[in-house]
Amino acid sequence: MDGLDIKQRREQLGLTQKELGDLIGASRETIINYEKGKPIPKSKSEILNKVLEPGAVHHKTVKNEEVVKFVDDFENKNGNKFIELPNGQYYMLMPLAEFNVQAGFLSTYQDADFLMDLSQHGILVDKPVQGRYVAFRVNGDSMDDGSSAAITRNSVVSTRELQRHHWNGKLRFRDFPYWVIYTTQSKMPLLKEIVEHNTEEGYITCHSLNDSPEFTDFKLHLNDIQALFYVIDVNRTVSKKTFY
């Protein structure tokens, strides 16, 4: 599907560029670029074909506001939407916490109206799953070591929240090394690699990929942590040396 196909199908379905972007977890500017013929990643191409196929979406008006809905989507109890693709996989949409909402995110992220106002980010999954999934925009350079594993500024990390009652057991930090951590000392979240979890003394050791002197390892007691989200996917930016 080329840029002209995308534009024609979008207009036939009555979707604006912003609405189409919201449906696939992309910005309006991204849709504009696609319609101008810019390269489309395979994962986005699959979801575009699904979203833009005839009869896939419809419009309705509620209190003079237009609402776009999928005919055959699935939503888990936490509001994450799953769209089945022709290849049998699913495209999972989750709220994206941009820089401007991260400070107050914990106090509002269970509010449905608040989540509806956020941008959406999507990843491919094998099947619909339960749990609370959230994406965070990265800000800072503590996880940027210049390598292919670096997580640079403006990258997007997709996460799943680990509920507090699971914290006493050993964290699966070897399976999921990177975590978004909200502490009681800071309003903004930290993105760190957890390299140790001492269950007896109740603390974790946080590590930064960047080896600059200001990013030394440190311990965090679980009593000083408000929320833990483990990273399941990283959408990296091309640019380097800029991060949290």
Protein backbone atom coordinates (compact mmCIF):
# COMPACT_ATOMS: atom_id res chain seq x y z
CA MET A 1 0.00 0.00 0.00
CA ASP A 2 1.50 3.32 -1.08
CA GLY A 3 0.85 6.86 0.07
CA LEU A 4 -1.93 7.48 -2.43
CA ASP A 5 -3.73 4.29 -1.35
CA ILE A 6 -3.56 5.38 2.30
CA LYS A 7 -4.98 8.81 1.51
CA GLN A 8 -7.78 7.46 -0.69
CA ARG A 9 -8.84 4.77 1.78
CA ARG A 10 -8.65 7.19 4.71
CA GLU A 11 -10.87 9.70 2.92
CA GLN A 12 -13.32 6.98 1.86
CA LEU A 13 -13.71 6.01 5.52
CA GLY A 14 -14.12 9.64 6.53
CA LEU A 15 -11.05 9.66 8.78
CA THR A 16 -8.87 12.68 9.38
CA GLN A 17 -5.09 12.26 9.46
CA LYS A 18 -5.15 12.72 13.24
CA GLU A 19 -7.89 10.09 13.69
CA LEU A 20 -5.97 7.58 11.60
CA GLY A 21 -2.82 8.35 13.57
CA ASP A 22 -4.65 7.78 16.86
CA LEU A 23 -5.96 4.43 15.63
CA ILE A 24 -2.51 3.07 14.77
CA GLY A 25 -0.57 4.73 17.60
CA ALA A 26 1.13 7.37 15.46
CA SER A 27 1.11 11.15 15.15
CA ARG A 28 -0.69 13.17 12.49
CA GLU A 29 2.72 14.14 11.11
CA THR A 30 3.56 10.45 10.64
CA ILE A 31 0.40 9.91 8.58
CA ILE A 32 1.24 12.97 6.49
CA ASN A 33 4.68 11.49 5.79
CA TYR A 34 3.18 8.12 4.85
CA GLU A 35 0.79 9.80 2.43
CA LYS A 36 3.71 11.68 0.88
CA GLY A 37 5.39 8.36 0.14
CA LYS A 38 7.81 8.08 3.05
CA PRO A 39 8.79 4.48 4.04
CA ILE A 40 6.30 2.60 6.23
CA PRO A 41 7.61 0.06 8.79
CA LYS A 42 6.25 -3.47 8.31
CA SER A 43 4.42 -3.42 11.65
CA LYS A 44 2.66 -0.16 10.75
CA SER A 45 1.91 -1.41 7.22
CA GLU A 46 0.04 -4.41 8.64
CA ILE A 47 -2.06 -2.33 10.98
CA LEU A 48 -2.77 0.25 8.26
CA ASN A 49 -4.11 -2.49 5.99
CA LYS A 50 -6.33 -3.73 8.81
CA VAL A 51 -7.61 -0.29 9.79
CA LEU A 52 -8.21 0.90 6.23
CA GLU A 53 -9.90 -2.19 4.80
CA PRO A 54 -13.53 -1.53 3.75
CA GLY A 55 -15.93 -1.81 6.67
CA ALA A 56 -13.16 -1.97 9.29
CA VAL A 57 -14.19 1.24 11.02
CA HIS A 58 -17.27 3.38 11.23
CA HIS A 59 -18.24 6.78 12.52
CA LYS A 60 -20.98 7.77 14.89
CA THR A 61 -21.87 11.03 16.60
CA VAL A 62 -22.31 11.28 20.36
CA LYS A 63 -23.33 14.70 21.71
CA ASN A 64 -22.05 16.36 18.51
CA GLU A 65 -18.64 14.69 18.92
CA GLU A 66 -17.42 12.25 16.31
CA VAL A 67 -16.18 8.93 17.70
CA VAL A 68 -14.21 6.39 15.67
CA LYS A 69 -14.61 2.75 16.67
CA PHE A 70 -13.41 -0.59 15.36
CA VAL A 71 -15.99 -3.18 14.46
CA ASP A 72 -13.92 -6.18 15.59
CA ASP A 73 -11.47 -4.97 18.22
CA PHE A 74 -10.90 -6.36 21.71
CA GLU A 75 -10.23 -4.40 24.87
CA ASN A 76 -8.90 -5.75 28.17
CA LYS A 77 -10.24 -4.63 31.55
CA ASN A 78 -7.55 -1.92 31.81
CA GLY A 79 -8.46 -0.28 28.52
CA ASN A 80 -5.67 -1.63 26.32
CA LYS A 81 -7.06 -2.27 22.83
CA PHE A 82 -6.09 -5.24 20.66
CA ILE A 83 -6.63 -5.28 16.90
CA GLU A 84 -6.35 -8.63 15.12
CA LEU A 85 -4.14 -8.58 12.02
CA PRO A 86 -4.39 -10.82 8.95
CA ASN A 87 -1.21 -12.70 9.97
CA GLY A 88 -2.79 -13.83 13.26
CA GLN A 89 -0.91 -11.37 15.46
CA TYR A 90 -2.49 -8.47 17.33
CA TYR A 91 -1.68 -4.79 17.45
CA MET A 92 -1.91 -3.63 21.07
CA LEU A 93 -2.56 0.05 21.77
CA MET A 94 -1.58 1.64 25.07
CA PRO A 95 -1.58 5.23 26.43
CA LEU A 96 1.63 7.16 25.79
CA ALA A 97 2.86 9.32 28.68
CA GLU A 98 4.65 12.24 27.07
CA PHE A 99 7.02 14.49 29.05
CA ASN A 100 4.27 16.96 29.99
CA VAL A 101 2.10 14.39 31.81
CA GLN A 102 4.70 12.15 33.44
CA ALA A 103 4.98 14.17 36.67
CA GLY A 104 1.31 13.73 37.58
CA PHE A 105 0.75 10.48 35.75
CA LEU A 106 0.39 8.19 38.76
CA SER A 107 -2.46 10.20 40.27
CA THR A 108 -4.52 10.17 37.07
CA TYR A 109 -3.55 7.19 34.92
CA GLN A 110 -6.46 5.05 36.13
CA ASP A 111 -8.91 7.78 35.08
CA ALA A 112 -10.57 6.71 31.80
CA ASP A 113 -11.18 10.28 30.63
CA PHE A 114 -7.53 11.17 31.25
CA LEU A 115 -6.31 8.13 29.29
CA MET A 116 -8.60 8.93 26.36
CA ASP A 117 -6.90 12.32 26.00
CA LEU A 118 -3.42 10.79 25.73
CA SER A 119 -1.65 9.80 22.53
CA GLN A 120 -1.51 6.09 21.81
CA HIS A 121 1.47 3.85 21.13
CA GLY A 122 1.23 0.38 19.60
CA ILE A 123 3.26 -2.82 19.51
CA LEU A 124 2.75 -6.25 17.96
CA VAL A 125 1.78 -9.11 20.30
CA ASP A 126 0.87 -12.74 19.71
CA LYS A 127 -2.44 -12.62 21.59
CA PRO A 128 -4.60 -10.32 23.71
CA VAL A 129 -3.36 -10.16 27.30
CA GLN A 130 -4.49 -8.76 30.63
CA GLY A 131 -2.48 -6.35 32.75
CA ARG A 132 -1.95 -2.60 32.62
CA TYR A 133 0.30 -1.49 29.75
CA VAL A 134 1.67 2.03 29.41
CA ALA A 135 4.25 3.63 27.11
CA PHE A 136 6.65 6.36 28.27
CA ARG A 137 8.60 8.89 26.21
CA VAL A 138 12.25 8.86 27.30
CA ASN A 139 13.85 12.09 28.48
CA GLY A 140 17.56 12.22 29.40
CA ASP A 141 20.77 10.34 28.63
CA SER A 142 21.48 8.05 31.59
CA MET A 143 20.62 5.01 29.46
CA ASP A 144 22.55 6.17 26.40
CA ASP A 145 26.00 4.57 26.16
CA GLY A 146 26.26 5.05 22.41
CA SER A 147 25.81 1.33 21.72
CA SER A 148 23.08 -0.49 19.81
CA ALA A 149 21.46 -1.25 23.20
CA ALA A 150 21.26 2.45 24.12
CA ILE A 151 17.85 3.91 24.94
CA THR A 152 18.08 7.48 23.71
CA ARG A 153 16.05 10.60 24.33
CA ASN A 154 12.65 10.55 22.62
CA SER A 155 12.65 6.76 22.37
CA VAL A 156 9.41 5.14 23.54
CA VAL A 157 9.45 2.29 26.05
CA SER A 158 6.38 0.06 26.28
CA THR A 159 5.84 -1.26 29.79
CA ARG A 160 3.62 -3.40 31.97
CA GLU A 161 2.93 -2.37 35.55
CA LEU A 162 4.02 -4.79 38.25
CA GLN A 163 1.46 -4.65 41.03
CA ARG A 164 2.82 -3.97 44.53
CA HIS A 165 1.81 -7.36 45.95
CA HIS A 166 4.38 -8.94 43.60
CA TRP A 167 7.28 -6.83 44.90
CA ASN A 168 8.13 -9.11 47.83
CA GLY A 169 8.97 -11.98 45.50
CA LYS A 170 12.10 -11.89 43.39
CA LEU A 171 11.71 -9.41 40.55
CA ARG A 172 12.30 -10.96 37.12
CA PHE A 173 15.03 -8.45 36.33
CA ARG A 174 17.07 -10.98 34.34
CA ASP A 175 14.14 -11.49 31.97
CA PHE A 176 13.17 -7.80 32.01
CA PRO A 177 16.30 -5.74 32.84
CA TYR A 178 14.89 -2.25 32.18
CA TRP A 179 12.29 -0.62 34.41
CA VAL A 180 10.40 2.66 34.70
CA ILE A 181 10.39 3.56 38.39
CA TYR A 182 8.37 6.18 40.25
CA THR A 183 9.87 7.08 43.64
CA THR A 184 8.56 9.07 46.58
CA GLN A 185 11.47 11.52 46.20
CA SER A 186 10.89 12.49 42.56
CA LYS A 187 7.79 13.42 40.56
CA MET A 188 9.40 12.31 37.30
CA PRO A 189 9.99 8.61 36.59
CA LEU A 190 13.39 6.99 36.31
CA LEU A 191 14.39 4.58 33.56
CA LYS A 192 17.01 2.19 34.91
CA GLU A 193 18.39 -1.29 34.65
CA ILE A 194 17.76 -3.30 37.82
CA VAL A 195 20.84 -5.41 38.54
CA GLU A 196 19.98 -6.65 42.04
CA HIS A 197 16.93 -7.28 44.18
CA ASN A 198 17.67 -7.98 47.83
CA THR A 199 14.45 -9.50 49.15
CA GLU A 200 15.73 -9.82 52.73
CA GLU A 201 16.60 -6.13 53.12
CA GLY A 202 13.95 -4.94 50.66
CA TYR A 203 15.92 -2.90 48.14
CA ILE A 204 16.87 -2.89 44.47
CA THR A 205 20.10 -1.69 42.87
CA CYS A 206 19.65 0.59 39.86
CA HIS A 207 22.19 0.84 37.06
CA SER A 208 22.60 3.28 34.15
CA LEU A 209 24.04 2.22 30.79
CA ASN A 210 25.81 5.57 30.51
CA ASP A 211 29.13 5.24 32.40
CA SER A 212 29.54 8.97 33.07
CA PRO A 213 30.48 9.71 36.73
CA GLU A 214 27.09 11.28 37.51
CA PHE A 215 25.30 8.02 36.69
CA THR A 216 26.70 5.70 39.34
CA ASP A 217 24.71 2.72 40.65
CA PHE A 218 22.41 3.35 43.61
CA LYS A 219 20.08 1.45 45.91
CA LEU A 220 16.36 2.10 46.25
CA HIS A 221 14.36 0.72 49.17
CA LEU A 222 10.99 -0.66 48.10
CA ASN A 223 9.30 1.58 50.68
CA ASP A 224 10.59 4.56 48.66
CA ILE A 225 9.04 3.33 45.42
CA GLN A 226 5.55 4.30 44.31
CA ALA A 227 5.22 2.25 41.12
CA LEU A 228 7.21 -0.20 39.00
CA PHE A 229 6.77 -0.80 35.28
CA TYR A 230 8.94 -3.33 33.46
CA VAL A 231 9.93 -2.61 29.87
CA ILE A 232 8.68 -5.11 27.28
CA ASP A 233 9.60 -3.20 24.12
CA VAL A 234 11.83 -0.28 23.09
CA ASN A 235 11.11 1.88 20.05
CA ARG A 236 14.48 3.60 19.66
CA THR A 237 15.16 6.92 17.98
CA VAL A 238 17.92 7.24 15.43
CA SER A 239 19.63 10.16 17.17
CA LYS A 240 22.22 9.48 19.86
CA LYS A 241 23.47 11.08 23.03
CA THR A 242 20.42 12.69 24.46
CA PHE A 243 18.33 10.94 27.59
CA TYR A 244 16.46 10.54 31.56
